[in-house]
Amino acid sequence: MARRLLRAYRMKNAMYEESLSEIAHAIVEYLRKNPHAQDTLAGIAEWWLPQQRIKTSKAKLNEALADLVTRGLILQSKGKDSQIHYRINHWKLDESEEIARRKRSG
């Protein structure tokens, strides 16, 4: 019984991580195609992800954005509207290209 629960937990978490990975890849891919793009969480959910055929909750999107910011692939800044805006980190273009390449090949 305990083994089945542990296996189910691991599978659930693996699927969850994969989902976050898909979201992160979609964001990176969008920004590589649109290097001057910048938007808020709401704008990314409404405009960027549908173009990448990704549908997710704002909580998961926020988590994926936080991971990309932590990794330095995207930058965040507070806009004049007091909202957080996200954009690509041009200094990390090589690293974001590697992420996009891994996604396409695997």
Protein backbone atom coordinates (compact mmCIF):
# COMPACT_ATOMS: atom_id res chain seq x y z
CA MET A 1 0.00 0.00 0.00
CA ALA A 2 2.73 2.45 0.98
CA ARG A 3 4.68 1.67 -2.20
CA ARG A 4 1.64 2.38 -4.35
CA LEU A 5 1.07 5.70 -2.61
CA LEU A 6 4.72 6.65 -3.01
CA ARG A 7 4.66 5.70 -6.71
CA ALA A 8 1.45 7.71 -7.24
CA TYR A 9 3.01 10.69 -5.46
CA ARG A 10 6.13 10.52 -7.62
CA MET A 11 4.09 10.22 -10.82
CA LYS A 12 1.93 13.18 -9.82
CA ASN A 13 4.97 15.33 -9.06
CA ALA A 14 6.73 14.27 -12.27
CA MET A 15 3.66 15.25 -14.27
CA TYR A 16 3.47 18.55 -12.40
CA GLU A 17 7.14 19.31 -13.07
CA GLU A 18 6.68 18.42 -16.73
CA SER A 19 3.76 20.81 -16.92
CA LEU A 20 5.87 23.62 -15.44
CA SER A 21 8.64 22.71 -17.87
CA GLU A 22 6.21 22.98 -20.80
CA ILE A 23 5.08 26.41 -19.61
CA ALA A 24 8.67 27.59 -19.19
CA HIS A 25 9.62 26.30 -22.65
CA ALA A 26 6.64 28.08 -24.20
CA ILE A 27 7.62 31.38 -22.54
CA VAL A 28 11.25 31.07 -23.65
CA GLU A 29 10.20 30.12 -27.17
CA TYR A 30 7.81 33.08 -27.39
CA LEU A 31 10.49 35.49 -26.18
CA ARG A 32 13.05 34.11 -28.62
CA LYS A 33 10.63 34.75 -31.47
CA ASN A 34 9.64 38.16 -30.02
CA PRO A 35 12.79 39.48 -28.33
CA HIS A 36 11.32 42.93 -27.63
CA ALA A 37 8.17 41.55 -25.99
CA GLN A 38 7.39 42.50 -22.41
CA ASP A 39 4.22 41.80 -20.47
CA THR A 40 2.60 41.09 -17.13
CA LEU A 41 1.45 37.72 -15.81
CA ALA A 42 -2.07 38.47 -17.06
CA GLY A 43 -0.81 39.49 -20.49
CA ILE A 44 1.37 36.41 -20.79
CA ALA A 45 -1.58 34.19 -19.88
CA GLU A 46 -3.87 35.98 -22.34
CA TRP A 47 -1.54 36.55 -25.30
CA TRP A 48 1.74 34.62 -25.23
CA LEU A 49 0.67 31.18 -24.07
CA PRO A 50 -2.36 30.77 -26.35
CA GLN A 51 -0.04 31.44 -29.32
CA GLN A 52 2.11 28.56 -28.04
CA ARG A 53 -1.02 26.40 -27.53
CA ILE A 54 -0.48 26.28 -23.77
CA LYS A 55 -3.33 26.50 -21.28
CA THR A 56 -2.53 26.70 -17.57
CA SER A 57 -3.54 28.25 -14.29
CA LYS A 58 -2.09 31.60 -13.27
CA ALA A 59 -0.56 29.92 -10.22
CA LYS A 60 1.46 27.50 -12.40
CA LEU A 61 2.34 30.32 -14.78
CA ASN A 62 3.58 32.39 -11.85
CA GLU A 63 5.68 29.45 -10.66
CA ALA A 64 7.20 28.94 -14.12
CA LEU A 65 7.99 32.67 -14.39
CA ALA A 66 9.60 32.65 -10.95
CA ASP A 67 11.79 29.71 -12.00
CA LEU A 68 12.87 31.48 -15.20
CA VAL A 69 13.66 34.65 -13.25
CA THR A 70 15.68 32.66 -10.69
CA ARG A 71 17.63 31.04 -13.51
CA GLY A 72 18.26 34.48 -15.01
CA LEU A 73 16.64 33.64 -18.35
CA ILE A 74 14.02 36.34 -18.04
CA LEU A 75 14.01 39.64 -16.16
CA GLN A 76 11.23 41.17 -14.13
CA SER A 77 10.69 44.83 -13.37
CA LYS A 78 7.94 46.90 -11.85
CA GLY A 79 6.15 48.98 -14.46
CA LYS A 80 4.61 52.43 -14.12
CA ASP A 81 1.32 50.59 -13.58
CA SER A 82 2.88 48.98 -10.44
CA GLN A 83 2.61 45.53 -12.01
CA ILE A 84 5.53 43.17 -12.57
CA HIS A 85 6.58 42.97 -16.23
CA TYR A 86 8.64 40.15 -17.72
CA ARG A 87 11.07 40.22 -20.66
CA ILE A 88 13.93 38.14 -22.02
CA ASN A 89 17.41 38.56 -20.55
CA HIS A 90 19.43 39.32 -23.67
CA TRP A 91 22.62 38.36 -21.85
CA LYS A 92 21.31 34.77 -21.56
CA LEU A 93 20.21 34.25 -25.18
CA ASP A 94 22.65 31.36 -25.67
CA GLU A 95 21.26 29.55 -22.64
CA SER A 96 17.66 30.13 -23.74
CA GLU A 97 18.56 28.79 -27.20
CA GLU A 98 19.84 25.60 -25.56
CA ILE A 99 16.52 25.21 -23.72
CA ALA A 100 14.57 25.72 -26.93
CA ARG A 101 16.80 23.24 -28.80
CA ARG A 102 16.34 20.56 -26.10
CA LYS A 103 12.59 21.00 -26.31
CA ARG A 104 12.55 20.62 -30.10
CA SER A 105 14.78 17.52 -30.08
CA GLY A 106 13.19 15.79 -27.14
